[in-house]
Structures are given as C-alpha cells and as structure tokens.
Amino acid sequence: DYDRQIVEEVTASIEAKGLQQPLCLGVDADGGVYLTDGHHRALALMNLRVRHFHFQWFRITGRRARIEHTPFPYEL
C-alpha cells in the first residue's frame, strides 16, 4: 500500500534524524483533541514507540484557528 510505504519511509527518517516537523493538534471547545497535521508522522512515532514528541496546537473556535504559544492544557 502507498500509505504503508510512506509510513515506513517516515519511520526510517525519524529514526535517523529525529522528528523534523512537529505534529499539529487542534483542541475544540469541549476539550476534544484532534490530530490535524502529521498523520504519517504520528504512525511512525507509534511504530518507534516514542512517548514524547514535539507538537504545535491551536484552539478550534468558530471560524478561526491560530497556533497557540501558551502551554498545552494537559488537564484535558
């Protein structure tokens, strides 16, 4: 499969060079957390059993979203 090949390539890249681009998470008004960018990277990190990784996040509010620079609300 095409996606499986991509995940294998991304896994090899992360293993060799580390995560070069952070994942992007969106948080909605109800506290739901969604992976909005980096699906192949997320699968590669799971394959490598990586428990801690860099990410950016934003609040999903109405018609706009912006990257947050405040700490992630881990209490979600």
C-alpha atoms as a PDB file:
ATOM      1  CA  ASP A   1       0.000   0.000   0.000  1.00  0.00           C
ATOM      2  CA  TYR A   2       1.042   3.568  -0.746  1.00  0.00           C
ATOM      3  CA  ASP A   3       0.373   4.862   2.799  1.00  0.00           C
ATOM      4  CA  ARG A   4       2.234   1.946   4.379  1.00  0.00           C
ATOM      5  CA  GLN A   5       5.276   2.757   2.234  1.00  0.00           C
ATOM      6  CA  ILE A   6       5.109   6.416   3.278  1.00  0.00           C
ATOM      7  CA  VAL A   7       4.905   5.465   6.964  1.00  0.00           C
ATOM      8  CA  GLU A   8       7.915   3.148   6.559  1.00  0.00           C
ATOM      9  CA  GLU A   9       9.912   5.952   4.907  1.00  0.00           C
ATOM     10  CA  VAL A  10       8.894   8.476   7.571  1.00  0.00           C
ATOM     11  CA  THR A  11       9.735   5.950  10.305  1.00  0.00           C
ATOM     12  CA  ALA A  12      13.222   5.474   8.854  1.00  0.00           C
ATOM     13  CA  SER A  13      13.691   9.244   8.576  1.00  0.00           C
ATOM     14  CA  ILE A  14      12.627   9.891  12.182  1.00  0.00           C
ATOM     15  CA  GLU A  15      14.832   7.044  13.375  1.00  0.00           C
ATOM     16  CA  ALA A  16      17.831   8.527  11.531  1.00  0.00           C
ATOM     17  CA  LYS A  17      17.291  12.276  12.012  1.00  0.00           C
ATOM     18  CA  GLY A  18      14.622  12.672  14.673  1.00  0.00           C
ATOM     19  CA  LEU A  19      11.279  14.387  14.235  1.00  0.00           C
ATOM     20  CA  GLN A  20      11.952  17.348  11.925  1.00  0.00           C
ATOM     21  CA  GLN A  21       8.430  18.804  11.834  1.00  0.00           C
ATOM     22  CA  PRO A  22       6.105  18.801  14.852  1.00  0.00           C
ATOM     23  CA  LEU A  23       2.628  17.304  14.792  1.00  0.00           C
ATOM     24  CA  CYS A  24      -0.287  19.735  14.898  1.00  0.00           C
ATOM     25  CA  LEU A  25      -3.159  19.236  17.352  1.00  0.00           C
ATOM     26  CA  GLY A  26      -6.478  21.072  17.459  1.00  0.00           C
ATOM     27  CA  VAL A  27      -8.486  21.434  20.676  1.00  0.00           C
ATOM     28  CA  ASP A  28     -12.213  22.124  20.406  1.00  0.00           C
ATOM     29  CA  ALA A  29     -14.485  23.927  22.879  1.00  0.00           C
ATOM     30  CA  ASP A  30     -15.445  20.620  24.541  1.00  0.00           C
ATOM     31  CA  GLY A  31     -11.811  19.678  25.151  1.00  0.00           C
ATOM     32  CA  GLY A  32     -11.617  17.188  22.287  1.00  0.00           C
ATOM     33  CA  VAL A  33      -8.104  16.858  20.880  1.00  0.00           C
ATOM     34  CA  TYR A  34      -7.642  16.145  17.177  1.00  0.00           C
ATOM     35  CA  LEU A  35      -4.565  15.418  15.111  1.00  0.00           C
ATOM     36  CA  THR A  36      -4.882  17.923  12.270  1.00  0.00           C
ATOM     37  CA  ASP A  37      -1.492  17.540  10.577  1.00  0.00           C
ATOM     38  CA  GLY A  38       1.110  14.796  10.774  1.00  0.00           C
ATOM     39  CA  HIS A  39      -0.833  11.552  10.465  1.00  0.00           C
ATOM     40  CA  HIS A  40       2.061   9.646   8.852  1.00  0.00           C
ATOM     41  CA  ARG A  41       4.483  11.104  11.412  1.00  0.00           C
ATOM     42  CA  ALA A  42       2.156  10.048  14.238  1.00  0.00           C
ATOM     43  CA  LEU A  43       2.033   6.465  12.936  1.00  0.00           C
ATOM     44  CA  ALA A  44       5.820   6.456  12.561  1.00  0.00           C
ATOM     45  CA  LEU A  45       6.236   7.682  16.153  1.00  0.00           C
ATOM     46  CA  MET A  46       3.910   4.904  17.341  1.00  0.00           C
ATOM     47  CA  ASN A  47       5.928   2.348  15.344  1.00  0.00           C
ATOM     48  CA  LEU A  48       9.065   3.604  17.096  1.00  0.00           C
ATOM     49  CA  ARG A  49       7.276   3.588  20.475  1.00  0.00           C
ATOM     50  CA  VAL A  50       8.175   7.255  21.007  1.00  0.00           C
ATOM     51  CA  ARG A  51       6.303   8.537  24.048  1.00  0.00           C
ATOM     52  CA  HIS A  52       7.337  12.205  23.980  1.00  0.00           C
ATOM     53  CA  PHE A  53       7.458  14.376  20.872  1.00  0.00           C
ATOM     54  CA  HIS A  54       7.184  17.992  19.763  1.00  0.00           C
ATOM     55  CA  PHE A  55       3.850  19.366  18.641  1.00  0.00           C
ATOM     56  CA  GLN A  56       2.068  22.634  17.970  1.00  0.00           C
ATOM     57  CA  TRP A  57      -1.522  23.175  18.985  1.00  0.00           C
ATOM     58  CA  PHE A  58      -4.407  25.533  18.403  1.00  0.00           C
ATOM     59  CA  ARG A  59      -7.900  26.103  19.749  1.00  0.00           C
ATOM     60  CA  ILE A  60     -10.729  25.442  17.327  1.00  0.00           C
ATOM     61  CA  THR A  61     -13.094  28.387  17.775  1.00  0.00           C
ATOM     62  CA  GLY A  62     -15.808  29.195  15.289  1.00  0.00           C
ATOM     63  CA  ARG A  63     -14.282  30.247  12.015  1.00  0.00           C
ATOM     64  CA  ARG A  64     -10.717  30.802  13.091  1.00  0.00           C
ATOM     65  CA  ALA A  65      -7.815  28.889  14.467  1.00  0.00           C
ATOM     66  CA  ARG A  66      -4.367  30.100  15.397  1.00  0.00           C
ATOM     67  CA  ILE A  67      -1.294  28.378  16.725  1.00  0.00           C
ATOM     68  CA  GLU A  68      -1.077  28.843  20.495  1.00  0.00           C
ATOM     69  CA  HIS A  69       2.121  29.867  22.212  1.00  0.00           C
ATOM     70  CA  THR A  70       0.819  29.091  25.682  1.00  0.00           C
ATOM     71  CA  PRO A  71       1.420  25.707  27.326  1.00  0.00           C
ATOM     72  CA  PHE A  72      -0.802  22.864  26.157  1.00  0.00           C
ATOM     73  CA  PRO A  73      -3.764  22.276  28.524  1.00  0.00           C
ATOM     74  CA  TYR A  74      -2.720  18.780  29.663  1.00  0.00           C
ATOM     75  CA  GLU A  75      -5.678  18.613  32.052  1.00  0.00           C
ATOM     76  CA  LEU A  76      -7.855  17.778  29.032  1.00  0.00           C
END
